[in-house]
């Protein structure tokens, strides 16, 4: 008889652990779906290794998490035509943002 009680108790513990895991993972999935649904595309630029990188990235506004990023152009900081190349790259990035946003439901 004591063996059956021990097995029953272990079964209840395993069932509780399984239920907890299922509840946590389903909550995380719901949270990530809400997070992805609120994300939007944006044009951005940042400095790296004496260059300016222009990118288009998908960002979650509430958290700032970057879900996706596409490099548009890299402009050397000491390039004589830096301003023209940077402005051209940002214009291209804004066009891509408009394209990506128009493709999403």
N, C-alpha and C. Protein backbone atom coordinates (compact mmCIF):
# COMPACT_ATOMS: atom_id res chain seq x y z
N UNK A 1 0.80 -1.20 0.00
CA UNK A 1 0.00 0.00 0.00
C UNK A 1 0.85 1.28 0.00
N UNK A 2 1.92 1.36 0.80
CA UNK A 2 2.71 2.59 0.81
C UNK A 2 3.32 2.91 -0.56
N UNK A 3 3.64 1.88 -1.35
CA UNK A 3 4.22 2.13 -2.67
C UNK A 3 3.21 2.82 -3.58
N UNK A 4 1.98 2.45 -3.50
CA UNK A 4 0.94 3.07 -4.32
C UNK A 4 0.78 4.53 -3.93
N UNK A 5 0.82 4.82 -2.65
CA UNK A 5 0.68 6.21 -2.19
C UNK A 5 1.85 7.07 -2.67
N UNK A 6 3.06 6.49 -2.64
CA UNK A 6 4.23 7.22 -3.11
C UNK A 6 4.12 7.49 -4.61
N UNK A 7 3.73 6.46 -5.37
CA UNK A 7 3.56 6.64 -6.81
C UNK A 7 2.48 7.66 -7.12
N UNK A 8 1.40 7.63 -6.35
CA UNK A 8 0.32 8.60 -6.55
C UNK A 8 0.81 10.02 -6.26
N UNK A 9 1.57 10.18 -5.19
CA UNK A 9 2.10 11.50 -4.84
C UNK A 9 3.07 11.99 -5.91
N UNK A 10 3.94 11.11 -6.41
CA UNK A 10 4.86 11.49 -7.47
C UNK A 10 4.12 11.86 -8.74
N UNK A 11 3.05 11.16 -9.04
CA UNK A 11 2.22 11.48 -10.21
C UNK A 11 1.58 12.85 -10.08
N UNK A 12 1.11 13.19 -8.89
CA UNK A 12 0.53 14.51 -8.66
C UNK A 12 1.57 15.61 -8.82
N UNK A 13 2.77 15.37 -8.32
CA UNK A 13 3.84 16.36 -8.45
C UNK A 13 4.20 16.54 -9.92
N UNK A 14 4.32 15.44 -10.66
CA UNK A 14 4.64 15.53 -12.08
C UNK A 14 3.54 16.27 -12.84
N UNK A 15 2.30 16.01 -12.50
CA UNK A 15 1.18 16.69 -13.14
C UNK A 15 1.22 18.20 -12.84
N UNK A 16 1.56 18.56 -11.62
CA UNK A 16 1.67 19.98 -11.26
C UNK A 16 2.79 20.67 -12.01
N UNK A 17 3.94 20.01 -12.13
CA UNK A 17 5.07 20.58 -12.86
C UNK A 17 4.71 20.75 -14.34
N UNK A 18 4.09 19.75 -14.93
CA UNK A 18 3.68 19.81 -16.33
C UNK A 18 2.69 20.97 -16.55
N UNK A 19 1.71 21.09 -15.67
CA UNK A 19 0.73 22.17 -15.79
C UNK A 19 1.38 23.54 -15.69
N UNK A 20 2.35 23.67 -14.80
CA UNK A 20 3.07 24.95 -14.66
C UNK A 20 3.85 25.30 -15.92
N UNK A 21 4.52 24.31 -16.49
CA UNK A 21 5.29 24.54 -17.72
C UNK A 21 4.37 24.96 -18.85
N UNK A 22 3.24 24.28 -19.01
CA UNK A 22 2.29 24.62 -20.06
C UNK A 22 1.76 26.04 -19.86
N UNK A 23 1.44 26.42 -18.64
CA UNK A 23 0.91 27.75 -18.36
C UNK A 23 1.94 28.83 -18.67
N UNK A 24 3.18 28.61 -18.29
CA UNK A 24 4.24 29.60 -18.52
C UNK A 24 4.51 29.76 -20.01
N UNK A 25 4.64 28.66 -20.73
CA UNK A 25 4.95 28.77 -22.17
C UNK A 25 3.80 29.39 -22.95
N UNK A 26 2.57 29.11 -22.59
CA UNK A 26 1.45 29.72 -23.31
C UNK A 26 1.38 31.21 -23.02
N UNK A 27 1.71 31.63 -21.82
CA UNK A 27 1.73 33.05 -21.48
C UNK A 27 2.83 33.76 -22.26
N UNK A 28 3.99 33.12 -22.42
CA UNK A 28 5.08 33.71 -23.17
C UNK A 28 4.72 33.83 -24.65
N UNK A 29 4.05 32.84 -25.19
CA UNK A 29 3.63 32.90 -26.60
C UNK A 29 2.65 34.03 -26.82
N UNK A 30 1.69 34.18 -25.92
CA UNK A 30 0.72 35.27 -26.05
C UNK A 30 1.42 36.62 -25.97
N UNK A 31 2.36 36.76 -25.05
CA UNK A 31 3.09 38.01 -24.90
C UNK A 31 3.91 38.33 -26.14
N UNK A 32 4.56 37.33 -26.72
CA UNK A 32 5.36 37.59 -27.91
C UNK A 32 4.48 37.92 -29.10
N UNK A 33 3.29 37.33 -29.20
CA UNK A 33 2.38 37.66 -30.30
C UNK A 33 1.91 39.10 -30.17
N UNK A 34 1.61 39.54 -28.95
CA UNK A 34 1.20 40.92 -28.76
C UNK A 34 2.35 41.87 -29.06
N UNK A 35 3.55 41.47 -28.68
CA UNK A 35 4.72 42.29 -28.90
C UNK A 35 4.98 42.46 -30.39
N UNK A 36 4.94 41.38 -31.14
CA UNK A 36 5.20 41.43 -32.57
C UNK A 36 4.12 42.23 -33.27
N UNK A 37 2.88 42.13 -32.82
CA UNK A 37 1.78 42.84 -33.46
C UNK A 37 1.95 44.35 -33.34
N UNK A 38 2.57 44.83 -32.29
CA UNK A 38 2.74 46.27 -32.10
C UNK A 38 4.01 46.82 -32.73
N UNK A 39 4.83 45.97 -33.33
CA UNK A 39 6.11 46.41 -33.89
C UNK A 39 5.90 47.20 -35.18
N UNK A 40 6.85 48.09 -35.46
CA UNK A 40 6.79 48.88 -36.68
C UNK A 40 8.19 49.04 -37.26
N UNK A 41 8.25 49.35 -38.54
CA UNK A 41 9.52 49.58 -39.22
C UNK A 41 9.94 51.03 -39.05
N UNK A 42 11.27 51.25 -38.97
CA UNK A 42 11.79 52.60 -38.87
C UNK A 42 13.15 52.68 -39.53
N UNK A 43 13.47 53.85 -40.04
CA UNK A 43 14.80 54.12 -40.57
C UNK A 43 15.67 54.62 -39.42
N UNK A 44 16.91 54.17 -39.39
CA UNK A 44 17.80 54.58 -38.30
C UNK A 44 19.24 54.60 -38.80
N UNK A 45 20.11 55.21 -38.02
CA UNK A 45 21.54 55.22 -38.34
C UNK A 45 22.32 55.21 -37.05
N UNK A 46 23.53 54.64 -37.14
CA UNK A 46 24.40 54.60 -35.97
C UNK A 46 25.85 54.54 -36.42
N UNK A 47 26.74 54.95 -35.55
CA UNK A 47 28.17 54.96 -35.84
C UNK A 47 28.80 53.65 -35.41
N UNK A 48 29.70 53.14 -36.25
CA UNK A 48 30.44 51.91 -35.92
C UNK A 48 31.73 51.87 -36.75
N UNK A 49 32.85 51.72 -36.10
CA UNK A 49 34.15 51.58 -36.78
C UNK A 49 34.43 52.70 -37.78
N UNK A 50 34.27 53.93 -37.36
CA UNK A 50 34.56 55.12 -38.18
C UNK A 50 33.68 55.17 -39.44
N UNK A 51 32.48 54.61 -39.32
CA UNK A 51 31.51 54.66 -40.41
C UNK A 51 30.13 54.97 -39.82
N UNK A 52 29.24 55.38 -40.68
CA UNK A 52 27.84 55.53 -40.29
C UNK A 52 27.05 54.48 -41.04
N UNK A 53 26.31 53.68 -40.31
CA UNK A 53 25.50 52.62 -40.92
C UNK A 53 24.04 53.06 -40.90
N UNK A 54 23.42 53.00 -42.05
CA UNK A 54 22.02 53.34 -42.19
C UNK A 54 21.26 52.02 -42.32
N UNK A 55 20.24 51.85 -41.48
CA UNK A 55 19.50 50.59 -41.45
C UNK A 55 18.00 50.85 -41.43
N UNK A 56 17.28 49.81 -41.78
CA UNK A 56 15.84 49.76 -41.60
C UNK A 56 15.61 48.64 -40.61
N UNK A 57 14.87 48.93 -39.54
CA UNK A 57 14.67 47.90 -38.52
C UNK A 57 13.23 47.88 -38.03
N UNK A 58 12.83 46.69 -37.61
CA UNK A 58 11.50 46.50 -37.04
C UNK A 58 11.65 46.51 -35.52
N UNK A 59 10.96 47.45 -34.87
CA UNK A 59 11.15 47.69 -33.45
C UNK A 59 9.81 47.59 -32.71
N UNK A 60 9.87 47.02 -31.52
CA UNK A 60 8.71 47.01 -30.63
C UNK A 60 8.76 48.30 -29.82
N UNK A 61 7.78 49.19 -29.98
CA UNK A 61 7.84 50.49 -29.32
C UNK A 61 7.90 50.42 -27.79
N UNK A 62 7.14 49.52 -27.20
CA UNK A 62 7.06 49.46 -25.74
C UNK A 62 8.37 49.03 -25.11
N UNK A 63 9.10 48.14 -25.77
CA UNK A 63 10.31 47.60 -25.18
C UNK A 63 11.59 48.04 -25.86
N UNK A 64 11.49 48.52 -27.10
CA UNK A 64 12.68 48.90 -27.84
C UNK A 64 13.43 47.71 -28.44
N UNK A 65 12.84 46.52 -28.36
CA UNK A 65 13.47 45.32 -28.89
C UNK A 65 13.46 45.38 -30.41
N UNK A 66 14.60 45.10 -31.02
CA UNK A 66 14.71 45.06 -32.48
C UNK A 66 14.45 43.64 -32.94
N UNK A 67 13.40 43.45 -33.73
CA UNK A 67 13.03 42.12 -34.21
C UNK A 67 13.73 41.76 -35.52
N UNK A 68 14.01 42.75 -36.34
CA UNK A 68 14.62 42.51 -37.65
C UNK A 68 15.37 43.78 -38.04
N UNK A 69 16.45 43.62 -38.81
CA UNK A 69 17.22 44.79 -39.23
C UNK A 69 17.85 44.51 -40.59
N UNK A 70 17.77 45.50 -41.49
CA UNK A 70 18.37 45.40 -42.82
C UNK A 70 19.32 46.57 -43.03
N UNK A 71 20.54 46.27 -43.44
CA UNK A 71 21.53 47.30 -43.71
C UNK A 71 21.23 47.93 -45.07
N UNK A 72 21.15 49.23 -45.10
CA UNK A 72 20.89 49.97 -46.34
C UNK A 72 22.21 50.46 -46.93
N UNK A 73 23.05 51.09 -46.11
CA UNK A 73 24.31 51.63 -46.62
C UNK A 73 25.30 51.84 -45.48
N UNK A 74 26.57 51.88 -45.85
CA UNK A 74 27.66 52.20 -44.92
C UNK A 74 28.43 53.36 -45.54
N UNK A 75 28.55 54.45 -44.79
CA UNK A 75 29.24 55.64 -45.29
C UNK A 75 30.43 55.91 -44.37
N UNK A 76 31.61 56.01 -44.95
CA UNK A 76 32.81 56.30 -44.17
C UNK A 76 32.72 57.72 -43.61
N UNK A 77 33.13 57.87 -42.36
CA UNK A 77 33.06 59.19 -41.71
C UNK A 77 33.94 60.23 -42.40
N UNK A 78 35.04 59.79 -43.02
CA UNK A 78 35.94 60.74 -43.66
C UNK A 78 35.70 60.88 -45.17
N UNK A 79 34.60 60.34 -45.65
CA UNK A 79 34.25 60.45 -47.08
C UNK A 79 33.96 61.91 -47.43
N UNK A 80 34.59 62.46 -48.48
CA UNK A 80 34.37 63.87 -48.85
C UNK A 80 32.90 64.16 -49.20
N UNK A 81 32.20 63.20 -49.72
CA UNK A 81 30.79 63.41 -50.07
C UNK A 81 29.87 62.74 -49.05
N UNK A 82 30.30 62.78 -47.78
CA UNK A 82 29.55 62.13 -46.70
C UNK A 82 28.10 62.61 -46.65
N UNK A 83 27.88 63.92 -46.65
CA UNK A 83 26.53 64.45 -46.51
C UNK A 83 25.59 63.94 -47.60
N UNK A 84 26.04 64.00 -48.84
CA UNK A 84 25.20 63.55 -49.95
C UNK A 84 24.90 62.06 -49.84
N UNK A 85 25.92 61.25 -49.54
CA UNK A 85 25.72 59.80 -49.43
C UNK A 85 24.82 59.45 -48.25
N UNK A 86 25.00 60.16 -47.13
CA UNK A 86 24.17 59.90 -45.96
C UNK A 86 22.71 60.24 -46.24
N UNK A 87 22.47 61.41 -46.83
CA UNK A 87 21.10 61.81 -47.14
C UNK A 87 20.45 60.86 -48.14
N UNK A 88 21.21 60.40 -49.11
CA UNK A 88 20.70 59.45 -50.09
C UNK A 88 20.34 58.12 -49.42
N UNK A 89 21.21 57.67 -48.52
CA UNK A 89 20.96 56.41 -47.82
C UNK A 89 19.72 56.52 -46.92
N UNK A 90 19.56 57.65 -46.24
CA UNK A 90 18.38 57.82 -45.39
C UNK A 90 17.10 57.88 -46.23
N UNK A 91 17.17 58.50 -47.40
CA UNK A 91 16.01 58.54 -48.29
C UNK A 91 15.65 57.12 -48.74
N UNK A 92 16.66 56.33 -49.07
CA UNK A 92 16.42 54.93 -49.45
C UNK A 92 15.82 54.15 -48.28
N UNK A 93 16.33 54.39 -47.08
CA UNK A 93 15.80 53.70 -45.90
C UNK A 93 14.34 54.06 -45.67
N UNK A 94 13.99 55.32 -45.83
CA UNK A 94 12.59 55.73 -45.65
C UNK A 94 11.68 55.10 -46.71
N UNK A 95 12.19 54.96 -47.93
CA UNK A 95 11.41 54.29 -48.98
C UNK A 95 11.17 52.83 -48.63
N UNK A 96 12.19 52.18 -48.09
CA UNK A 96 12.04 50.77 -47.69
C UNK A 96 11.06 50.64 -46.54
N UNK A 97 11.09 51.57 -45.60
CA UNK A 97 10.13 51.55 -44.49
C UNK A 97 8.71 51.61 -45.05
N UNK A 98 8.48 52.52 -45.98
CA UNK A 98 7.15 52.65 -46.58
C UNK A 98 6.76 51.36 -47.28
N UNK A 99 7.68 50.74 -47.97
CA UNK A 99 7.42 49.47 -48.66
C UNK A 99 7.09 48.37 -47.66
N UNK A 100 7.91 48.21 -46.64
CA UNK A 100 7.68 47.16 -45.64
C UNK A 100 6.35 47.36 -44.91
N UNK A 101 6.06 48.60 -44.55
CA UNK A 101 4.81 48.88 -43.84
C UNK A 101 3.60 48.60 -44.73
N UNK A 102 3.72 48.86 -46.03
CA UNK A 102 2.59 48.64 -46.94
C UNK A 102 2.33 47.16 -47.17
N UNK A 103 3.35 46.31 -46.98
CA UNK A 103 3.20 44.87 -47.20
C UNK A 103 2.60 44.14 -46.02
N UNK A 104 2.60 44.76 -44.85
CA UNK A 104 2.08 44.08 -43.65
C UNK A 104 0.58 44.31 -43.52
N UNK A 105 -0.10 43.31 -42.95
CA UNK A 105 -1.56 43.44 -42.79
C UNK A 105 -1.96 44.51 -41.80
